[in-house]
C-alpha atoms as a PDB file:
ATOM      1  CA  UNK A   1      -9.288 -15.154  -9.245  1.00  0.00           C
ATOM      2  CA  UNK A   2     -11.201 -16.719  -6.344  1.00  0.00           C
ATOM      3  CA  UNK A   3     -10.665 -13.613  -4.220  1.00  0.00           C
ATOM      4  CA  UNK A   4     -11.891 -11.441  -7.081  1.00  0.00           C
ATOM      5  CA  UNK A   5     -14.998 -13.631  -7.262  1.00  0.00           C
ATOM      6  CA  UNK A   6     -15.489 -13.136  -3.537  1.00  0.00           C
ATOM      7  CA  UNK A   7     -15.179  -9.364  -3.841  1.00  0.00           C
ATOM      8  CA  UNK A   8     -17.679  -9.399  -6.711  1.00  0.00           C
ATOM      9  CA  UNK A   9     -20.150 -11.412  -4.597  1.00  0.00           C
ATOM     10  CA  UNK A  10     -19.830 -14.470  -6.834  1.00  0.00           C
ATOM     11  CA  UNK A  11     -19.670 -16.698  -3.798  1.00  0.00           C
ATOM     12  CA  UNK A  12     -20.168 -20.091  -5.415  1.00  0.00           C
ATOM     13  CA  UNK A  13     -17.394 -19.352  -7.901  1.00  0.00           C
ATOM     14  CA  UNK A  14     -15.177 -18.093  -5.090  1.00  0.00           C
ATOM     15  CA  UNK A  15     -15.731 -21.234  -3.029  1.00  0.00           C
ATOM     16  CA  UNK A  16     -14.918 -23.403  -6.039  1.00  0.00           C
ATOM     17  CA  UNK A  17     -11.769 -21.394  -6.730  1.00  0.00           C
ATOM     18  CA  UNK A  18     -10.546 -21.551  -3.156  1.00  0.00           C
ATOM     19  CA  UNK A  19     -11.259 -25.290  -2.989  1.00  0.00           C
ATOM     20  CA  UNK A  20      -9.341 -25.825  -6.239  1.00  0.00           C
ATOM     21  CA  UNK A  21      -6.433 -23.923  -4.769  1.00  0.00           C
ATOM     22  CA  UNK A  22      -6.516 -26.036  -1.604  1.00  0.00           C
ATOM     23  CA  UNK A  23      -6.635 -29.231  -3.660  1.00  0.00           C
ATOM     24  CA  UNK A  24      -3.691 -28.132  -5.790  1.00  0.00           C
ATOM     25  CA  UNK A  25      -1.612 -26.657  -2.943  1.00  0.00           C
ATOM     26  CA  UNK A  26      -2.793 -28.173   0.361  1.00  0.00           C
ATOM     27  CA  UNK A  27       0.399 -27.060   2.133  1.00  0.00           C
ATOM     28  CA  UNK A  28       0.786 -23.825   0.188  1.00  0.00           C
ATOM     29  CA  UNK A  29       1.574 -20.499   1.805  1.00  0.00           C
ATOM     30  CA  UNK A  30      -1.971 -19.296   1.197  1.00  0.00           C
ATOM     31  CA  UNK A  31      -3.833 -22.468   2.193  1.00  0.00           C
ATOM     32  CA  UNK A  32      -4.939 -20.959   5.510  1.00  0.00           C
ATOM     33  CA  UNK A  33      -6.268 -17.882   3.720  1.00  0.00           C
ATOM     34  CA  UNK A  34      -8.116 -19.965   1.158  1.00  0.00           C
ATOM     35  CA  UNK A  35      -9.751 -22.008   3.908  1.00  0.00           C
ATOM     36  CA  UNK A  36     -10.723 -18.851   5.790  1.00  0.00           C
ATOM     37  CA  UNK A  37     -12.278 -17.253   2.714  1.00  0.00           C
ATOM     38  CA  UNK A  38     -14.364 -20.361   2.075  1.00  0.00           C
ATOM     39  CA  UNK A  39     -15.799 -19.899   5.551  1.00  0.00           C
ATOM     40  CA  UNK A  40     -16.355 -16.228   4.866  1.00  0.00           C
ATOM     41  CA  UNK A  41     -18.302 -17.003   1.687  1.00  0.00           C
ATOM     42  CA  UNK A  42     -20.664 -19.176   3.671  1.00  0.00           C
ATOM     43  CA  UNK A  43     -20.851 -16.599   6.471  1.00  0.00           C
ATOM     44  CA  UNK A  44     -21.892 -13.691   4.245  1.00  0.00           C
ATOM     45  CA  UNK A  45     -24.517 -15.851   2.570  1.00  0.00           C
ATOM     46  CA  UNK A  46     -25.850 -16.827   6.019  1.00  0.00           C
ATOM     47  CA  UNK A  47     -25.093 -20.514   5.529  1.00  0.00           C
ATOM     48  CA  UNK A  48     -24.018 -20.529   9.122  1.00  0.00           C
ATOM     49  CA  UNK A  49     -23.590 -24.233   9.796  1.00  0.00           C
ATOM     50  CA  UNK A  50     -21.300 -24.616   6.793  1.00  0.00           C
ATOM     51  CA  UNK A  51     -19.444 -21.444   7.796  1.00  0.00           C
ATOM     52  CA  UNK A  52     -18.714 -22.914  11.231  1.00  0.00           C
ATOM     53  CA  UNK A  53     -17.427 -26.110   9.633  1.00  0.00           C
ATOM     54  CA  UNK A  54     -15.090 -24.205   7.332  1.00  0.00           C
ATOM     55  CA  UNK A  55     -13.865 -21.736   9.965  1.00  0.00           C
ATOM     56  CA  UNK A  56     -13.198 -24.639  12.346  1.00  0.00           C
ATOM     57  CA  UNK A  57     -10.868 -26.105   9.711  1.00  0.00           C
ATOM     58  CA  UNK A  58      -8.775 -22.940   9.938  1.00  0.00           C
ATOM     59  CA  UNK A  59      -8.579 -23.095  13.727  1.00  0.00           C
ATOM     60  CA  UNK A  60      -7.696 -26.795  13.833  1.00  0.00           C
ATOM     61  CA  UNK A  61      -5.639 -27.078  10.657  1.00  0.00           C
ATOM     62  CA  UNK A  62      -3.705 -23.810  10.862  1.00  0.00           C
ATOM     63  CA  UNK A  63      -3.514 -22.894  14.562  1.00  0.00           C
ATOM     64  CA  UNK A  64      -0.459 -20.663  14.054  1.00  0.00           C
ATOM     65  CA  UNK A  65      -2.050 -18.754  11.200  1.00  0.00           C
ATOM     66  CA  UNK A  66      -3.026 -15.122  11.670  1.00  0.00           C
ATOM     67  CA  UNK A  67      -6.396 -16.212  10.243  1.00  0.00           C
ATOM     68  CA  UNK A  68      -7.023 -18.622  13.137  1.00  0.00           C
ATOM     69  CA  UNK A  69      -8.069 -15.843  15.517  1.00  0.00           C
ATOM     70  CA  UNK A  70     -10.362 -14.355  12.886  1.00  0.00           C
ATOM     71  CA  UNK A  71     -11.907 -17.753  12.183  1.00  0.00           C
ATOM     72  CA  UNK A  72     -12.564 -18.377  15.883  1.00  0.00           C
ATOM     73  CA  UNK A  73     -14.102 -14.904  16.113  1.00  0.00           C
ATOM     74  CA  UNK A  74     -16.417 -15.630  13.200  1.00  0.00           C
ATOM     75  CA  UNK A  75     -17.499 -18.900  14.820  1.00  0.00           C
ATOM     76  CA  UNK A  76     -18.492 -16.836  17.842  1.00  0.00           C
ATOM     77  CA  UNK A  77     -20.402 -14.413  15.622  1.00  0.00           C
ATOM     78  CA  UNK A  78     -22.223 -17.279  13.914  1.00  0.00           C
ATOM     79  CA  UNK A  79     -23.355 -18.699  17.235  1.00  0.00           C
ATOM     80  CA  UNK A  80     -24.484 -15.247  18.338  1.00  0.00           C
ATOM     81  CA  UNK A  81     -26.503 -14.832  15.130  1.00  0.00           C
ATOM     82  CA  UNK A  82     -28.057 -18.227  15.781  1.00  0.00           C
ATOM     83  CA  UNK A  83     -28.931 -17.095  19.330  1.00  0.00           C
ATOM     84  CA  UNK A  84     -26.674 -19.789  20.754  1.00  0.00           C
ATOM     85  CA  UNK A  85     -25.248 -17.423  23.309  1.00  0.00           C
ATOM     86  CA  UNK A  86     -23.307 -19.872  25.499  1.00  0.00           C
ATOM     87  CA  UNK A  87     -21.419 -21.177  22.457  1.00  0.00           C
ATOM     88  CA  UNK A  88     -20.860 -17.629  21.203  1.00  0.00           C
ATOM     89  CA  UNK A  89     -19.421 -16.589  24.551  1.00  0.00           C
ATOM     90  CA  UNK A  90     -17.142 -19.644  24.622  1.00  0.00           C
ATOM     91  CA  UNK A  91     -15.649 -18.932  21.193  1.00  0.00           C
ATOM     92  CA  UNK A  92     -15.306 -15.213  21.825  1.00  0.00           C
ATOM     93  CA  UNK A  93     -13.512 -15.962  25.103  1.00  0.00           C
ATOM     94  CA  UNK A  94     -11.261 -18.393  23.207  1.00  0.00           C
ATOM     95  CA  UNK A  95     -10.193 -15.508  20.982  1.00  0.00           C
ATOM     96  CA  UNK A  96      -9.476 -13.241  23.949  1.00  0.00           C
ATOM     97  CA  UNK A  97      -7.398 -15.855  25.770  1.00  0.00           C
ATOM     98  CA  UNK A  98      -5.775 -17.530  22.758  1.00  0.00           C
ATOM     99  CA  UNK A  99      -4.839 -14.421  20.782  1.00  0.00           C
ATOM    100  CA  UNK A 100      -4.944 -11.615  23.374  1.00  0.00           C
ATOM    101  CA  UNK A 101      -2.995  -8.995  21.422  1.00  0.00           C
ATOM    102  CA  UNK A 102      -4.825  -9.289  18.120  1.00  0.00           C
ATOM    103  CA  UNK A 103      -7.470  -7.067  16.580  1.00  0.00           C
ATOM    104  CA  UNK A 104      -9.754 -10.118  16.706  1.00  0.00           C
ATOM    105  CA  UNK A 105      -9.382 -10.192  20.500  1.00  0.00           C
ATOM    106  CA  UNK A 106     -10.419  -6.550  20.732  1.00  0.00           C
ATOM    107  CA  UNK A 107     -13.479  -7.287  18.576  1.00  0.00           C
ATOM    108  CA  UNK A 108     -14.297 -10.326  20.701  1.00  0.00           C
ATOM    109  CA  UNK A 109     -14.064  -8.278  23.912  1.00  0.00           C
ATOM    110  CA  UNK A 110     -16.322  -5.638  22.408  1.00  0.00           C
ATOM    111  CA  UNK A 111     -18.859  -8.253  21.386  1.00  0.00           C
ATOM    112  CA  UNK A 112     -18.738  -9.877  24.825  1.00  0.00           C
ATOM    113  CA  UNK A 113     -19.474  -6.477  26.414  1.00  0.00           C
ATOM    114  CA  UNK A 114     -22.362  -6.007  24.001  1.00  0.00           C
ATOM    115  CA  UNK A 115     -23.754  -9.412  24.950  1.00  0.00           C
ATOM    116  CA  UNK A 116     -23.498  -8.520  28.622  1.00  0.00           C
ATOM    117  CA  UNK A 117     -25.328  -5.251  28.012  1.00  0.00           C
ATOM    118  CA  UNK A 118     -28.020  -7.142  26.112  1.00  0.00           C
ATOM    119  CA  UNK A 119     -28.334  -9.596  28.981  1.00  0.00           C
ATOM    120  CA  UNK A 120     -27.595 -12.631  26.822  1.00  0.00           C
END
């Protein structure tokens, strides 16, 4: 239901649903996904500081999760959007070195090249 709310752009309802799921099943098989999607809800609504907080919980709480690379990538994107280029570069490089064979790493490399071309 929370994911359906997310897809329907009912972000507050989605966040509440994902948080309820995390409260009920903190060690559940989908806990990492729920945490990631909370971050994504904040990201798409441009609540960037909260997005970073929520994505960081994925990276620190679920480091072996496939969502960890994506969360680190999104942290880099947030910092880029906030024009905090040094922090963006750091997180994007973390993706490249920490998860080198993932699609997230390819996106991070692409974004790093873009930043270099932009001179930031």
